[in-house]
C-alpha atoms as a PDB file:
ATOM      1  CA  UNK A   1       6.491 -17.946  -2.613  1.00  0.00           C
ATOM      2  CA  UNK A   2       5.659 -16.330  -5.941  1.00  0.00           C
ATOM      3  CA  UNK A   3       5.788 -12.531  -6.334  1.00  0.00           C
ATOM      4  CA  UNK A   4       2.003 -12.453  -6.787  1.00  0.00           C
ATOM      5  CA  UNK A   5       1.453 -14.383  -3.556  1.00  0.00           C
ATOM      6  CA  UNK A   6       3.875 -12.104  -1.706  1.00  0.00           C
ATOM      7  CA  UNK A   7       2.092  -8.983  -2.961  1.00  0.00           C
ATOM      8  CA  UNK A   8      -1.362 -10.253  -2.012  1.00  0.00           C
ATOM      9  CA  UNK A   9      -0.157 -11.315   1.429  1.00  0.00           C
ATOM     10  CA  UNK A  10       1.395  -7.883   1.925  1.00  0.00           C
ATOM     11  CA  UNK A  11      -1.951  -6.233   1.281  1.00  0.00           C
ATOM     12  CA  UNK A  12      -3.881  -8.542   3.600  1.00  0.00           C
ATOM     13  CA  UNK A  13      -1.333  -8.369   6.405  1.00  0.00           C
ATOM     14  CA  UNK A  14      -0.888  -4.590   6.348  1.00  0.00           C
ATOM     15  CA  UNK A  15      -4.506  -3.528   5.912  1.00  0.00           C
ATOM     16  CA  UNK A  16      -4.950  -3.102   9.654  1.00  0.00           C
ATOM     17  CA  UNK A  17      -1.813  -0.929   9.677  1.00  0.00           C
ATOM     18  CA  UNK A  18      -3.408   1.317   7.055  1.00  0.00           C
ATOM     19  CA  UNK A  19      -6.565   1.573   9.133  1.00  0.00           C
ATOM     20  CA  UNK A  20      -4.531   2.520  12.202  1.00  0.00           C
ATOM     21  CA  UNK A  21      -2.544   5.055  10.175  1.00  0.00           C
ATOM     22  CA  UNK A  22      -5.699   6.884   9.081  1.00  0.00           C
ATOM     23  CA  UNK A  23      -5.968   8.797  12.327  1.00  0.00           C
ATOM     24  CA  UNK A  24      -2.252   9.033  13.076  1.00  0.00           C
ATOM     25  CA  UNK A  25      -0.023  12.028  12.503  1.00  0.00           C
ATOM     26  CA  UNK A  26       2.874  12.121  10.115  1.00  0.00           C
ATOM     27  CA  UNK A  27       3.544  12.280   6.431  1.00  0.00           C
ATOM     28  CA  UNK A  28       4.630   9.856   3.771  1.00  0.00           C
ATOM     29  CA  UNK A  29       5.469  12.464   1.130  1.00  0.00           C
ATOM     30  CA  UNK A  30       8.509  11.347  -0.829  1.00  0.00           C
ATOM     31  CA  UNK A  31      10.910  13.018  -1.151  1.00  0.00           C
ATOM     32  CA  UNK A  32      10.131  14.694   2.212  1.00  0.00           C
ATOM     33  CA  UNK A  33       8.910  18.134   1.250  1.00  0.00           C
ATOM     34  CA  UNK A  34      11.337  20.821   2.347  1.00  0.00           C
ATOM     35  CA  UNK A  35      13.314  18.582   4.655  1.00  0.00           C
ATOM     36  CA  UNK A  36      16.321  17.685   2.513  1.00  0.00           C
ATOM     37  CA  UNK A  37      16.434  21.174   1.037  1.00  0.00           C
ATOM     38  CA  UNK A  38      16.971  22.441   4.578  1.00  0.00           C
ATOM     39  CA  UNK A  39      19.855  20.037   5.044  1.00  0.00           C
ATOM     40  CA  UNK A  40      21.439  21.059   1.754  1.00  0.00           C
ATOM     41  CA  UNK A  41      20.987  24.763   2.407  1.00  0.00           C
ATOM     42  CA  UNK A  42      22.786  24.336   5.702  1.00  0.00           C
ATOM     43  CA  UNK A  43      25.783  22.901   3.855  1.00  0.00           C
ATOM     44  CA  UNK A  44      26.508  26.303   2.380  1.00  0.00           C
ATOM     45  CA  UNK A  45      27.517  27.410   5.866  1.00  0.00           C
ATOM     46  CA  UNK A  46      29.078  24.332   7.408  1.00  0.00           C
ATOM     47  CA  UNK A  47      29.376  25.835  10.886  1.00  0.00           C
ATOM     48  CA  UNK A  48      25.623  26.532  10.903  1.00  0.00           C
ATOM     49  CA  UNK A  49      24.412  23.164   9.633  1.00  0.00           C
ATOM     50  CA  UNK A  50      23.289  21.530  12.871  1.00  0.00           C
ATOM     51  CA  UNK A  51      21.971  24.755  14.351  1.00  0.00           C
ATOM     52  CA  UNK A  52      19.972  25.463  11.205  1.00  0.00           C
ATOM     53  CA  UNK A  53      18.456  21.987  11.234  1.00  0.00           C
ATOM     54  CA  UNK A  54      17.524  22.431  14.890  1.00  0.00           C
ATOM     55  CA  UNK A  55      15.924  25.807  14.195  1.00  0.00           C
ATOM     56  CA  UNK A  56      13.965  24.346  11.310  1.00  0.00           C
ATOM     57  CA  UNK A  57      12.686  21.482  13.433  1.00  0.00           C
ATOM     58  CA  UNK A  58      11.716  23.827  16.257  1.00  0.00           C
ATOM     59  CA  UNK A  59       9.831  26.089  13.857  1.00  0.00           C
ATOM     60  CA  UNK A  60       8.042  23.113  12.350  1.00  0.00           C
ATOM     61  CA  UNK A  61       7.034  21.890  15.819  1.00  0.00           C
ATOM     62  CA  UNK A  62       5.712  25.313  16.810  1.00  0.00           C
ATOM     63  CA  UNK A  63       3.775  25.698  13.585  1.00  0.00           C
ATOM     64  CA  UNK A  64       2.233  22.236  13.347  1.00  0.00           C
ATOM     65  CA  UNK A  65       2.982  19.661  16.027  1.00  0.00           C
ATOM     66  CA  UNK A  66       2.412  21.846  19.091  1.00  0.00           C
ATOM     67  CA  UNK A  67      -0.612  23.761  17.800  1.00  0.00           C
ATOM     68  CA  UNK A  68      -3.508  23.922  20.224  1.00  0.00           C
ATOM     69  CA  UNK A  69      -6.649  22.593  18.463  1.00  0.00           C
ATOM     70  CA  UNK A  70      -8.517  25.608  19.877  1.00  0.00           C
ATOM     71  CA  UNK A  71      -6.270  28.055  18.044  1.00  0.00           C
ATOM     72  CA  UNK A  72      -7.575  29.788  14.972  1.00  0.00           C
ATOM     73  CA  UNK A  73      -6.029  28.835  11.681  1.00  0.00           C
ATOM     74  CA  UNK A  74      -5.403  25.700   9.697  1.00  0.00           C
ATOM     75  CA  UNK A  75      -5.158  22.392  11.520  1.00  0.00           C
ATOM     76  CA  UNK A  76      -4.493  18.878  10.325  1.00  0.00           C
ATOM     77  CA  UNK A  77      -7.559  17.047   8.994  1.00  0.00           C
ATOM     78  CA  UNK A  78      -8.947  14.275  11.237  1.00  0.00           C
ATOM     79  CA  UNK A  79      -7.927  11.637   8.692  1.00  0.00           C
ATOM     80  CA  UNK A  80      -4.796  11.298   6.610  1.00  0.00           C
ATOM     81  CA  UNK A  81      -6.140  11.874   3.127  1.00  0.00           C
ATOM     82  CA  UNK A  82      -3.273  10.093   1.354  1.00  0.00           C
ATOM     83  CA  UNK A  83      -3.877   6.943   3.397  1.00  0.00           C
ATOM     84  CA  UNK A  84      -7.615   7.112   2.757  1.00  0.00           C
ATOM     85  CA  UNK A  85      -7.056   7.533  -0.990  1.00  0.00           C
ATOM     86  CA  UNK A  86      -4.713   4.539  -0.992  1.00  0.00           C
ATOM     87  CA  UNK A  87      -7.240   2.351   0.798  1.00  0.00           C
ATOM     88  CA  UNK A  88     -10.067   3.319  -1.539  1.00  0.00           C
ATOM     89  CA  UNK A  89      -7.983   2.812  -4.662  1.00  0.00           C
ATOM     90  CA  UNK A  90      -6.577  -0.547  -3.595  1.00  0.00           C
ATOM     91  CA  UNK A  91      -9.923  -1.886  -2.396  1.00  0.00           C
ATOM     92  CA  UNK A  92     -11.686  -0.837  -5.609  1.00  0.00           C
ATOM     93  CA  UNK A  93      -8.975  -2.435  -7.762  1.00  0.00           C
ATOM     94  CA  UNK A  94      -8.975  -5.718  -5.854  1.00  0.00           C
ATOM     95  CA  UNK A  95     -12.744  -6.136  -5.750  1.00  0.00           C
ATOM     96  CA  UNK A  96     -13.061  -5.311  -9.451  1.00  0.00           C
ATOM     97  CA  UNK A  97     -10.339  -7.868 -10.221  1.00  0.00           C
ATOM     98  CA  UNK A  98     -12.087 -10.497  -8.102  1.00  0.00           C
ATOM     99  CA  UNK A  99     -15.353  -9.763  -9.948  1.00  0.00           C
ATOM    100  CA  UNK A 100     -13.605 -10.287 -13.283  1.00  0.00           C
ATOM    101  CA  UNK A 101     -11.826 -13.472 -12.230  1.00  0.00           C
ATOM    102  CA  UNK A 102     -14.950 -14.947 -10.634  1.00  0.00           C
ATOM    103  CA  UNK A 103     -16.958 -14.318 -13.794  1.00  0.00           C
ATOM    104  CA  UNK A 104     -14.477 -16.544 -15.651  1.00  0.00           C
ATOM    105  CA  UNK A 105     -13.532 -19.294 -13.196  1.00  0.00           C
ATOM    106  CA  UNK A 106     -16.360 -19.627 -10.668  1.00  0.00           C
ATOM    107  CA  UNK A 107     -18.734 -22.489 -11.425  1.00  0.00           C
ATOM    108  CA  UNK A 108     -22.457 -21.823 -11.118  1.00  0.00           C
ATOM    109  CA  UNK A 109     -24.087 -23.409  -8.059  1.00  0.00           C
ATOM    110  CA  UNK A 110     -25.638 -26.832  -8.384  1.00  0.00           C
ATOM    111  CA  UNK A 111     -29.338 -26.705  -9.170  1.00  0.00           C
ATOM    112  CA  UNK A 112     -32.071 -28.266  -7.057  1.00  0.00           C
ATOM    113  CA  UNK A 113     -33.452 -31.683  -7.993  1.00  0.00           C
ATOM    114  CA  UNK A 114     -36.226 -31.924 -10.601  1.00  0.00           C
ATOM    115  CA  UNK A 115     -39.690 -32.630  -9.250  1.00  0.00           C
ATOM    116  CA  UNK A 116     -39.858 -36.075 -10.790  1.00  0.00           C
ATOM    117  CA  UNK A 117     -36.961 -37.459  -8.753  1.00  0.00           C
ATOM    118  CA  UNK A 118     -37.640 -39.911  -5.926  1.00  0.00           C
ATOM    119  CA  UNK A 119     -38.074 -38.163  -2.593  1.00  0.00           C
ATOM    120  CA  UNK A 120     -34.864 -39.500  -1.022  1.00  0.00           C
ATOM    121  CA  UNK A 121     -32.726 -38.589  -4.053  1.00  0.00           C
ATOM    122  CA  UNK A 122     -34.382 -35.193  -4.326  1.00  0.00           C
ATOM    123  CA  UNK A 123     -33.687 -34.397  -0.657  1.00  0.00           C
ATOM    124  CA  UNK A 124     -30.035 -35.381  -1.028  1.00  0.00           C
ATOM    125  CA  UNK A 125     -29.634 -33.363  -4.230  1.00  0.00           C
ATOM    126  CA  UNK A 126     -31.302 -30.319  -2.659  1.00  0.00           C
ATOM    127  CA  UNK A 127     -29.000 -30.541   0.347  1.00  0.00           C
ATOM    128  CA  UNK A 128     -25.944 -30.668  -1.910  1.00  0.00           C
ATOM    129  CA  UNK A 129     -27.256 -27.729  -3.945  1.00  0.00           C
ATOM    130  CA  UNK A 130     -27.748 -25.601  -0.826  1.00  0.00           C
ATOM    131  CA  UNK A 131     -24.276 -26.460   0.433  1.00  0.00           C
ATOM    132  CA  UNK A 132     -22.741 -25.682  -2.940  1.00  0.00           C
ATOM    133  CA  UNK A 133     -24.481 -22.301  -3.129  1.00  0.00           C
ATOM    134  CA  UNK A 134     -23.387 -21.393   0.416  1.00  0.00           C
ATOM    135  CA  UNK A 135     -19.786 -22.553  -0.075  1.00  0.00           C
ATOM    136  CA  UNK A 136     -17.674 -19.897   1.737  1.00  0.00           C
ATOM    137  CA  UNK A 137     -14.979 -20.213  -0.927  1.00  0.00           C
ATOM    138  CA  UNK A 138     -17.301 -18.618  -3.487  1.00  0.00           C
ATOM    139  CA  UNK A 139     -16.786 -14.997  -4.440  1.00  0.00           C
ATOM    140  CA  UNK A 140     -19.827 -12.859  -3.644  1.00  0.00           C
ATOM    141  CA  UNK A 141     -20.833  -9.844  -5.713  1.00  0.00           C
ATOM    142  CA  UNK A 142     -22.310  -8.156  -2.658  1.00  0.00           C
ATOM    143  CA  UNK A 143     -21.663  -8.125   1.075  1.00  0.00           C
ATOM    144  CA  UNK A 144     -18.104  -8.869   2.197  1.00  0.00           C
ATOM    145  CA  UNK A 145     -16.041  -7.055  -0.434  1.00  0.00           C
ATOM    146  CA  UNK A 146     -13.092  -5.748   1.555  1.00  0.00           C
ATOM    147  CA  UNK A 147      -9.517  -5.448   0.363  1.00  0.00           C
ATOM    148  CA  UNK A 148      -8.125  -8.178   2.683  1.00  0.00           C
ATOM    149  CA  UNK A 149     -10.871 -10.635   1.719  1.00  0.00           C
ATOM    150  CA  UNK A 150     -10.397  -9.849  -1.979  1.00  0.00           C
ATOM    151  CA  UNK A 151      -6.623 -10.264  -1.706  1.00  0.00           C
ATOM    152  CA  UNK A 152      -6.904 -13.648   0.022  1.00  0.00           C
ATOM    153  CA  UNK A 153      -9.552 -14.863  -2.425  1.00  0.00           C
ATOM    154  CA  UNK A 154      -7.360 -13.892  -5.376  1.00  0.00           C
ATOM    155  CA  UNK A 155      -4.396 -15.569  -3.676  1.00  0.00           C
ATOM    156  CA  UNK A 156      -6.379 -18.816  -3.444  1.00  0.00           C
ATOM    157  CA  UNK A 157      -7.218 -18.618  -7.134  1.00  0.00           C
ATOM    158  CA  UNK A 158      -3.631 -17.845  -8.126  1.00  0.00           C
ATOM    159  CA  UNK A 159      -2.418 -20.839  -6.103  1.00  0.00           C
ATOM    160  CA  UNK A 160      -5.059 -23.160  -7.567  1.00  0.00           C
ATOM    161  CA  UNK A 161      -6.709 -24.065  -4.289  1.00  0.00           C
ATOM    162  CA  UNK A 162      -9.772 -26.352  -4.527  1.00  0.00           C
ATOM    163  CA  UNK A 163     -13.312 -25.102  -4.679  1.00  0.00           C
ATOM    164  CA  UNK A 164     -16.162 -24.499  -7.124  1.00  0.00           C
ATOM    165  CA  UNK A 165     -13.776 -23.104  -9.708  1.00  0.00           C
ATOM    166  CA  UNK A 166     -12.367 -23.892 -13.118  1.00  0.00           C
ATOM    167  CA  UNK A 167      -8.590 -23.612 -13.719  1.00  0.00           C
ATOM    168  CA  UNK A 168      -7.308 -20.044 -13.838  1.00  0.00           C
ATOM    169  CA  UNK A 169      -6.613 -18.947 -17.446  1.00  0.00           C
ATOM    170  CA  UNK A 170      -3.330 -17.204 -18.283  1.00  0.00           C
ATOM    171  CA  UNK A 171      -5.065 -13.877 -18.943  1.00  0.00           C
ATOM    172  CA  UNK A 172      -6.650 -13.759 -15.507  1.00  0.00           C
ATOM    173  CA  UNK A 173      -3.398 -14.922 -13.920  1.00  0.00           C
ATOM    174  CA  UNK A 174      -1.591 -11.972 -15.486  1.00  0.00           C
ATOM    175  CA  UNK A 175      -4.392  -9.640 -14.390  1.00  0.00           C
ATOM    176  CA  UNK A 176      -4.065 -10.772 -10.773  1.00  0.00           C
ATOM    177  CA  UNK A 177      -0.271 -10.421 -10.897  1.00  0.00           C
ATOM    178  CA  UNK A 178      -0.378  -6.885 -12.301  1.00  0.00           C
ATOM    179  CA  UNK A 179      -3.070  -5.608  -9.943  1.00  0.00           C
ATOM    180  CA  UNK A 180      -1.442  -7.257  -6.916  1.00  0.00           C
ATOM    181  CA  UNK A 181       1.951  -5.705  -7.674  1.00  0.00           C
ATOM    182  CA  UNK A 182       0.525  -2.210  -8.092  1.00  0.00           C
ATOM    183  CA  UNK A 183      -1.706  -2.486  -5.025  1.00  0.00           C
ATOM    184  CA  UNK A 184       1.095  -3.790  -2.792  1.00  0.00           C
ATOM    185  CA  UNK A 185       3.396  -0.996  -3.946  1.00  0.00           C
ATOM    186  CA  UNK A 186       0.734   1.568  -3.017  1.00  0.00           C
ATOM    187  CA  UNK A 187       0.274   0.019   0.425  1.00  0.00           C
ATOM    188  CA  UNK A 188       4.019  -0.074   1.103  1.00  0.00           C
ATOM    189  CA  UNK A 189       4.459   3.497  -0.094  1.00  0.00           C
ATOM    190  CA  UNK A 190       1.572   4.744   2.043  1.00  0.00           C
ATOM    191  CA  UNK A 191       2.970   3.049   5.150  1.00  0.00           C
ATOM    192  CA  UNK A 192       6.574   3.967   4.328  1.00  0.00           C
ATOM    193  CA  UNK A 193       7.733   0.379   4.836  1.00  0.00           C
ATOM    194  CA  UNK A 194       9.983   0.088   1.843  1.00  0.00           C
ATOM    195  CA  UNK A 195      13.171   1.850   0.863  1.00  0.00           C
ATOM    196  CA  UNK A 196      13.021   4.438  -1.905  1.00  0.00           C
ATOM    197  CA  UNK A 197      15.317   6.588  -3.980  1.00  0.00           C
ATOM    198  CA  UNK A 198      14.745   9.993  -5.570  1.00  0.00           C
ATOM    199  CA  UNK A 199      16.869  12.618  -7.284  1.00  0.00           C
ATOM    200  CA  UNK A 200      17.164  16.030  -5.616  1.00  0.00           C
ATOM    201  CA  UNK A 201      16.615  19.009  -7.907  1.00  0.00           C
ATOM    202  CA  UNK A 202      19.447  21.037  -6.370  1.00  0.00           C
ATOM    203  CA  UNK A 203      22.965  20.154  -7.640  1.00  0.00           C
ATOM    204  CA  UNK A 204      25.860  19.324  -5.346  1.00  0.00           C
ATOM    205  CA  UNK A 205      27.330  22.580  -3.901  1.00  0.00           C
ATOM    206  CA  UNK A 206      30.852  21.190  -4.329  1.00  0.00           C
ATOM    207  CA  UNK A 207      30.954  19.652  -7.801  1.00  0.00           C
ATOM    208  CA  UNK A 208      27.555  20.464  -9.360  1.00  0.00           C
ATOM    209  CA  UNK A 209      26.864  16.713  -9.609  1.00  0.00           C
ATOM    210  CA  UNK A 210      23.464  15.109  -9.217  1.00  0.00           C
ATOM    211  CA  UNK A 211      22.320  14.345  -5.672  1.00  0.00           C
ATOM    212  CA  UNK A 212      20.459  11.123  -4.987  1.00  0.00           C
ATOM    213  CA  UNK A 213      18.356  10.798  -1.843  1.00  0.00           C
ATOM    214  CA  UNK A 214      17.706   7.475  -0.120  1.00  0.00           C
ATOM    215  CA  UNK A 215      15.181   6.826   2.617  1.00  0.00           C
ATOM    216  CA  UNK A 216      11.863   5.291   3.454  1.00  0.00           C
ATOM    217  CA  UNK A 217      11.097   2.295   5.684  1.00  0.00           C
ATOM    218  CA  UNK A 218      11.094   4.662   8.638  1.00  0.00           C
ATOM    219  CA  UNK A 219      14.677   5.796   8.106  1.00  0.00           C
ATOM    220  CA  UNK A 220      15.766   9.428   7.964  1.00  0.00           C
ATOM    221  CA  UNK A 221      16.560  10.541   4.405  1.00  0.00           C
ATOM    222  CA  UNK A 222      20.211  10.566   3.358  1.00  0.00           C
ATOM    223  CA  UNK A 223      21.494  12.421   0.287  1.00  0.00           C
ATOM    224  CA  UNK A 224      24.594  11.430  -1.653  1.00  0.00           C
ATOM    225  CA  UNK A 225      26.281  13.136  -4.578  1.00  0.00           C
ATOM    226  CA  UNK A 226      26.615  10.643  -7.410  1.00  0.00           C
ATOM    227  CA  UNK A 227      29.757  12.431  -8.664  1.00  0.00           C
ATOM    228  CA  UNK A 228      31.964  13.294  -5.672  1.00  0.00           C
ATOM    229  CA  UNK A 229      30.383  11.016  -3.099  1.00  0.00           C
ATOM    230  CA  UNK A 230      29.593  13.641  -0.462  1.00  0.00           C
ATOM    231  CA  UNK A 231      26.832  12.560   1.925  1.00  0.00           C
ATOM    232  CA  UNK A 232      24.344  14.698   3.834  1.00  0.00           C
ATOM    233  CA  UNK A 233      21.771  13.791   6.473  1.00  0.00           C
ATOM    234  CA  UNK A 234      20.243  15.197   9.619  1.00  0.00           C
ATOM    235  CA  UNK A 235      23.003  13.500  11.640  1.00  0.00           C
ATOM    236  CA  UNK A 236      25.994  13.576   9.276  1.00  0.00           C
ATOM    237  CA  UNK A 237      27.579  16.898   8.232  1.00  0.00           C
ATOM    238  CA  UNK A 238      29.521  15.946   5.112  1.00  0.00           C
ATOM    239  CA  UNK A 239      31.569  12.876   4.399  1.00  0.00           C
ATOM    240  CA  UNK A 240      33.864  12.601   1.398  1.00  0.00           C
END
């Protein structure tokens, strides 16, 4: 499977997951805001590390997770704004790309028969013209313009599947590849289904080296000093 096909399939397959995630709780901020800094702060007092992490988690739960909706004060919005932004951005990009590609490769529908044709030939030609115009493989500039439909339509064009289309030019092939890669990366980042790496601003408390944090794909973040090799996480104190 080509990278473009994999990216477009990722979008189509995970769109329902994005829809489900809209109303769910949680965060996909990366690096996790405040979380790793709590772990690293606890390292300054090794005996307090686990207790500090527990206190932080308890405070977070009291402040946000256990809040009664009837209480005064800020509450979480009904929808996860980051997920909604991702869905809007990806859908707009895919439909615009499909519009562009269709304008280049989609053949115009067959016309109806001229009046002068014999009745039998005219009826057959008109039937073919109606079928050609209604061909479900055609891209429509109105109506069903969702991200999954756009992704699968672009996938069919990239793979050269048959239909009322001319061959896909190199320029449009590159356009599909670039948009698909960016859109799939946004979907994966929003759903936290891919591993990621980020540098932590705070230096290593032991050697002043740079700390690299790894996480994503549902895993708890783990920080590692790139100089001395020390590792920190919510479960591991410090490993040389």
